[in-house]
Amino acid sequence: MPEGWNWRDDAASGFEDEYDHYLKSAAAKLRGGAPEAEVVNYLAHVEIDTMGLGERQNTVVRAKAVVQAILADDLMWTSAEDVET
């Protein structure tokens, strides 16, 4: 996505793909109070087993980075009604 856009922008909808539901599921797990390690394991499992990509040397490192990015995104933790347009 171009700099300055966020995931709620209508123009960003073209960047959505078939894998976004895994990311949304990870965010929902975190929002529901799941431990970070559980969500890291979930994301690694999705990549390794569900997508069939196998485990790579940096699979867990990248999953941890995704979890940290989700946690750092303040807009992720608001509902659409909470965001001013």
C-alpha atoms as a PDB file:
ATOM      1  CA  MET A   1       0.000   0.000   0.000  1.00  0.00           C
ATOM      2  CA  PRO A   2       1.249   3.496  -0.671  1.00  0.00           C
ATOM      3  CA  GLU A   3       2.574   5.545   2.230  1.00  0.00           C
ATOM      4  CA  GLY A   4      -0.143   7.427   4.063  1.00  0.00           C
ATOM      5  CA  TRP A   5      -2.892   4.925   3.296  1.00  0.00           C
ATOM      6  CA  ASN A   6      -4.373   2.693   5.918  1.00  0.00           C
ATOM      7  CA  TRP A   7      -6.186  -0.595   5.670  1.00  0.00           C
ATOM      8  CA  ARG A   8      -9.602   1.077   6.081  1.00  0.00           C
ATOM      9  CA  ASP A   9      -9.264   3.316   3.004  1.00  0.00           C
ATOM     10  CA  ASP A  10     -11.630   2.289   0.217  1.00  0.00           C
ATOM     11  CA  ALA A  11      -8.767   2.703  -2.230  1.00  0.00           C
ATOM     12  CA  ALA A  12      -6.801   0.068  -0.293  1.00  0.00           C
ATOM     13  CA  SER A  13      -9.385  -2.640  -0.921  1.00  0.00           C
ATOM     14  CA  GLY A  14      -7.544  -3.656  -4.091  1.00  0.00           C
ATOM     15  CA  PHE A  15      -4.647  -4.822  -1.951  1.00  0.00           C
ATOM     16  CA  GLU A  16      -6.762  -7.400  -0.163  1.00  0.00           C
ATOM     17  CA  ASP A  17      -6.132 -10.979  -1.210  1.00  0.00           C
ATOM     18  CA  GLU A  18      -7.078 -14.511  -0.288  1.00  0.00           C
ATOM     19  CA  TYR A  19      -4.587 -14.596   2.578  1.00  0.00           C
ATOM     20  CA  ASP A  20      -5.957 -11.608   4.474  1.00  0.00           C
ATOM     21  CA  HIS A  21      -8.360 -13.754   6.474  1.00  0.00           C
ATOM     22  CA  TYR A  22      -5.345 -15.339   8.205  1.00  0.00           C
ATOM     23  CA  LEU A  23      -4.113 -11.908   9.238  1.00  0.00           C
ATOM     24  CA  LYS A  24      -7.581 -10.888  10.405  1.00  0.00           C
ATOM     25  CA  SER A  25      -7.846 -14.104  12.384  1.00  0.00           C
ATOM     26  CA  ALA A  26      -4.485 -13.409  14.044  1.00  0.00           C
ATOM     27  CA  ALA A  27      -5.619  -9.879  14.946  1.00  0.00           C
ATOM     28  CA  ALA A  28      -8.898 -11.221  16.359  1.00  0.00           C
ATOM     29  CA  LYS A  29      -7.010 -13.741  18.482  1.00  0.00           C
ATOM     30  CA  LEU A  30      -4.808 -10.969  19.907  1.00  0.00           C
ATOM     31  CA  ARG A  31      -7.798  -8.723  20.500  1.00  0.00           C
ATOM     32  CA  GLY A  32      -9.480 -11.597  22.308  1.00  0.00           C
ATOM     33  CA  GLY A  33      -6.550 -11.894  24.679  1.00  0.00           C
ATOM     34  CA  ALA A  34      -4.638 -14.800  23.169  1.00  0.00           C
ATOM     35  CA  PRO A  35      -0.979 -14.887  24.181  1.00  0.00           C
ATOM     36  CA  GLU A  36       1.442 -13.534  21.576  1.00  0.00           C
ATOM     37  CA  ALA A  37       3.223 -16.910  21.384  1.00  0.00           C
ATOM     38  CA  GLU A  38      -0.053 -18.629  20.483  1.00  0.00           C
ATOM     39  CA  VAL A  39      -0.639 -16.225  17.603  1.00  0.00           C
ATOM     40  CA  VAL A  40       2.966 -16.565  16.412  1.00  0.00           C
ATOM     41  CA  ASN A  41       2.466 -20.339  16.359  1.00  0.00           C
ATOM     42  CA  TYR A  42      -0.820 -19.896  14.474  1.00  0.00           C
ATOM     43  CA  LEU A  43       0.811 -17.745  11.787  1.00  0.00           C
ATOM     44  CA  ALA A  44       3.757 -20.131  11.458  1.00  0.00           C
ATOM     45  CA  HIS A  45       1.347 -23.081  11.146  1.00  0.00           C
ATOM     46  CA  VAL A  46      -0.609 -21.286   8.425  1.00  0.00           C
ATOM     47  CA  GLU A  47       2.541 -20.667   6.409  1.00  0.00           C
ATOM     48  CA  ILE A  48       4.105 -24.074   6.976  1.00  0.00           C
ATOM     49  CA  ASP A  49       1.104 -26.378   6.787  1.00  0.00           C
ATOM     50  CA  THR A  50      -1.960 -24.585   5.436  1.00  0.00           C
ATOM     51  CA  MET A  51      -0.164 -22.782   2.622  1.00  0.00           C
ATOM     52  CA  GLY A  52       2.247 -25.684   2.264  1.00  0.00           C
ATOM     53  CA  LEU A  53       5.347 -23.512   2.122  1.00  0.00           C
ATOM     54  CA  GLY A  54       7.284 -25.534   4.653  1.00  0.00           C
ATOM     55  CA  GLU A  55       9.308 -24.128   7.501  1.00  0.00           C
ATOM     56  CA  ARG A  56      12.087 -21.741   6.602  1.00  0.00           C
ATOM     57  CA  GLN A  57      14.876 -20.422   8.764  1.00  0.00           C
ATOM     58  CA  ASN A  58      13.020 -17.146   9.390  1.00  0.00           C
ATOM     59  CA  THR A  59       9.410 -18.376   9.572  1.00  0.00           C
ATOM     60  CA  VAL A  60       8.992 -17.762  13.305  1.00  0.00           C
ATOM     61  CA  VAL A  61      10.937 -14.479  13.174  1.00  0.00           C
ATOM     62  CA  ARG A  62       8.582 -13.156  10.490  1.00  0.00           C
ATOM     63  CA  ALA A  63       5.508 -14.390  12.385  1.00  0.00           C
ATOM     64  CA  LYS A  64       6.736 -12.528  15.481  1.00  0.00           C
ATOM     65  CA  ALA A  65       7.203  -9.382  13.395  1.00  0.00           C
ATOM     66  CA  VAL A  66       3.626  -9.653  12.115  1.00  0.00           C
ATOM     67  CA  VAL A  67       2.299 -10.016  15.663  1.00  0.00           C
ATOM     68  CA  GLN A  68       4.272  -6.957  16.766  1.00  0.00           C
ATOM     69  CA  ALA A  69       2.976  -4.967  13.775  1.00  0.00           C
ATOM     70  CA  ILE A  70      -0.610  -5.915  14.626  1.00  0.00           C
ATOM     71  CA  LEU A  71      -0.120  -4.895  18.245  1.00  0.00           C
ATOM     72  CA  ALA A  72       1.474  -1.589  17.222  1.00  0.00           C
ATOM     73  CA  ASP A  73      -1.377  -0.610  14.870  1.00  0.00           C
ATOM     74  CA  ASP A  74      -3.652   1.629  16.925  1.00  0.00           C
ATOM     75  CA  LEU A  75      -6.348   1.655  14.239  1.00  0.00           C
ATOM     76  CA  MET A  76      -6.537  -2.124  14.297  1.00  0.00           C
ATOM     77  CA  TRP A  77      -8.051  -1.904  17.780  1.00  0.00           C
ATOM     78  CA  THR A  78     -10.885   0.450  16.860  1.00  0.00           C
ATOM     79  CA  SER A  79     -14.151  -0.282  15.172  1.00  0.00           C
ATOM     80  CA  ALA A  80     -15.121   1.479  11.970  1.00  0.00           C
ATOM     81  CA  GLU A  81     -17.584   3.585  13.953  1.00  0.00           C
ATOM     82  CA  ASP A  82     -14.758   4.883  16.165  1.00  0.00           C
ATOM     83  CA  VAL A  83     -12.717   6.261  13.265  1.00  0.00           C
ATOM     84  CA  GLU A  84     -13.530   9.700  11.918  1.00  0.00           C
ATOM     85  CA  THR A  85     -13.633   9.871   8.150  1.00  0.00           C
END
